[in-house]
Protein backbone atom coordinates (compact mmCIF):
# COMPACT_ATOMS: atom_id res chain seq x y z
CA MET A 1 50.85 -47.07 -55.50
CA ILE A 2 51.08 -48.67 -52.17
CA SER A 3 54.25 -50.78 -51.82
CA GLU A 4 53.92 -54.44 -50.38
CA ASP A 5 55.78 -53.30 -47.17
CA GLU A 6 53.31 -50.40 -46.66
CA GLU A 7 50.34 -52.71 -47.28
CA ALA A 8 51.71 -55.43 -44.79
CA MET A 9 52.24 -52.70 -42.17
CA MET A 10 48.78 -51.22 -42.71
CA GLU A 11 47.40 -54.68 -42.19
CA LYS A 12 49.32 -54.94 -39.04
CA LEU A 13 48.02 -51.60 -37.88
CA ARG A 14 44.57 -52.31 -38.61
CA LYS A 15 44.69 -55.47 -36.25
CA ILE A 16 46.54 -53.76 -33.41
CA ARG A 17 44.61 -53.10 -30.20
CA PHE A 18 43.32 -50.00 -29.17
CA GLY A 19 45.29 -48.74 -25.99
CA THR A 20 48.64 -49.69 -27.79
CA TRP A 21 51.40 -46.99 -27.07
CA PHE A 22 53.21 -45.41 -29.93
CA GLU A 23 56.13 -43.05 -30.21
CA ILE A 24 55.44 -40.65 -33.04
CA PRO A 25 56.83 -37.29 -34.06
CA ASP A 26 54.92 -34.20 -33.01
CA ALA A 27 53.35 -32.47 -36.01
CA HIS A 28 54.25 -28.97 -34.89
CA ASN A 29 57.80 -29.41 -33.62
CA GLY A 30 58.72 -32.98 -34.85
CA GLU A 31 59.79 -34.13 -31.47
CA SER A 32 59.01 -37.56 -30.38
CA GLN A 33 55.93 -37.97 -28.15
CA LYS A 34 54.42 -40.91 -26.63
CA VAL A 35 50.63 -41.54 -27.35
CA LYS A 36 48.13 -44.15 -27.19
CA LEU A 37 45.96 -45.53 -30.22
CA SER A 38 42.29 -44.55 -29.07
CA TRP A 39 40.69 -45.29 -32.43
CA LEU A 40 41.13 -46.30 -35.84
CA SER A 41 38.28 -45.19 -38.03
CA PRO A 42 37.13 -47.87 -40.81
CA LEU A 43 35.45 -44.96 -42.67
CA THR A 44 38.61 -42.69 -42.99
CA ALA A 45 41.41 -44.99 -42.26
CA SER A 46 42.62 -42.57 -39.77
CA CYS A 47 44.21 -43.17 -36.27
CA ILE A 48 43.49 -41.07 -33.40
CA PHE A 49 46.02 -40.90 -30.86
CA VAL A 50 45.64 -39.41 -27.15
CA ASP A 51 48.03 -38.56 -24.43
CA ARG A 52 48.37 -40.14 -20.96
CA ALA A 53 45.50 -37.76 -19.83
CA GLY A 54 43.28 -39.10 -22.51
CA VAL A 55 43.54 -35.82 -24.65
CA GLN A 56 43.29 -36.26 -28.37
CA THR A 57 46.92 -35.21 -29.32
CA ALA A 58 47.02 -36.51 -33.27
CA ILE A 59 45.18 -37.89 -36.18
CA LYS A 60 47.18 -39.82 -38.66
CA PRO A 61 46.08 -41.50 -41.97
CA LEU A 62 46.88 -45.17 -41.51
CA ARG A 63 49.01 -45.01 -44.52
CA LYS A 64 51.23 -42.21 -43.29
CA LEU A 65 51.43 -44.14 -39.90
CA ALA A 66 52.80 -47.12 -41.77
CA GLN A 67 55.18 -45.17 -43.93
CA GLU A 68 56.61 -43.65 -40.64
CA ILE A 69 56.96 -46.97 -38.96
CA LEU A 70 58.67 -48.40 -41.91
CA LYS A 71 61.07 -45.29 -41.86
CA GLY A 72 61.75 -45.69 -38.22
CA GLU A 73 60.10 -42.32 -37.60
CA SER A 74 57.25 -43.77 -35.65
CA ILE A 75 57.57 -46.88 -33.20
CA ILE A 76 55.07 -49.21 -31.81
CA LEU A 77 55.96 -49.40 -28.06
CA GLU A 78 53.62 -51.94 -26.77
CA ASP A 79 52.48 -54.97 -28.86
CA SER A 80 51.38 -57.36 -26.46
CA SER A 81 48.76 -60.29 -26.61
CA ASP A 82 47.55 -59.18 -23.04
CA PRO A 83 46.00 -55.66 -22.68
CA PHE A 84 47.56 -53.18 -20.33
CA VAL A 85 44.85 -53.54 -17.60
CA GLU A 86 44.96 -57.31 -17.90
CA ARG A 87 48.57 -57.42 -17.34
CA THR A 88 48.64 -54.86 -14.51
CA LEU A 89 45.90 -56.95 -12.76
CA HIS A 90 48.07 -60.16 -13.08
CA ALA A 91 51.03 -58.37 -11.53
CA ILE A 92 48.81 -56.89 -8.61
CA ARG A 93 47.49 -60.30 -8.00
CA ARG A 94 51.06 -61.84 -7.73
CA MET A 95 52.14 -59.14 -5.43
CA LEU A 96 49.17 -59.98 -3.12
CA GLN A 97 49.81 -63.53 -3.13
CA ARG A 98 53.50 -62.97 -2.13
CA SER A 99 52.20 -60.62 0.63
CA LEU A 100 49.62 -63.17 1.84
CA LYS A 101 52.12 -65.78 1.92
CA THR A 102 54.56 -63.60 4.06
CA THR A 103 51.67 -62.73 6.24
CA GLU A 104 50.75 -66.44 6.79
CA ASP A 105 54.57 -67.29 7.50
CA ILE A 106 54.42 -64.47 10.32
CA ALA A 107 51.09 -65.61 11.71
CA SER A 108 52.38 -69.44 11.80
CA GLU A 109 55.48 -67.99 13.78
CA LEU A 110 53.18 -66.22 16.20
CA ILE A 111 50.98 -69.09 16.70
CA ASP A 112 53.94 -71.30 17.36
CA ASP A 113 55.45 -68.82 19.80
CA GLU A 114 52.09 -68.50 21.67
CA GLY A 115 51.61 -72.23 21.85
CA ASN A 116 55.15 -72.61 23.45
CA GLU A 117 54.49 -70.08 25.83
CA GLY A 118 53.63 -71.15 29.59
CA LYS A 119 54.72 -74.77 28.84
CA GLU A 120 57.63 -76.32 30.44
CA VAL A 121 60.45 -77.59 28.20
CA HIS A 122 61.95 -80.83 29.54
């Protein structure tokens, strides 16, 4: 029988975005590994995880993953409303805007300096 907590966690996991990072125990040695949710099969209710290189590293039944999270054995590392790529693009855009502002400031100073050259100051 599935507990209410397990059912609630399973429902949360069904809605989680692909690409979300987890920390789960390695099936072979039990050590913690960081993996990304690549797919959740609606047919088998199995979660497929990949490593940073995109290589499949683990397959876990949804219920087992829910149980591990509730026990603190597995952790959801990234549960954001914006996908990773979108957050990264926003960060890059902010950096470029700051860089452009700095470049504009330098260009303004250069133009001001050139405009004052050759003119007599009284």
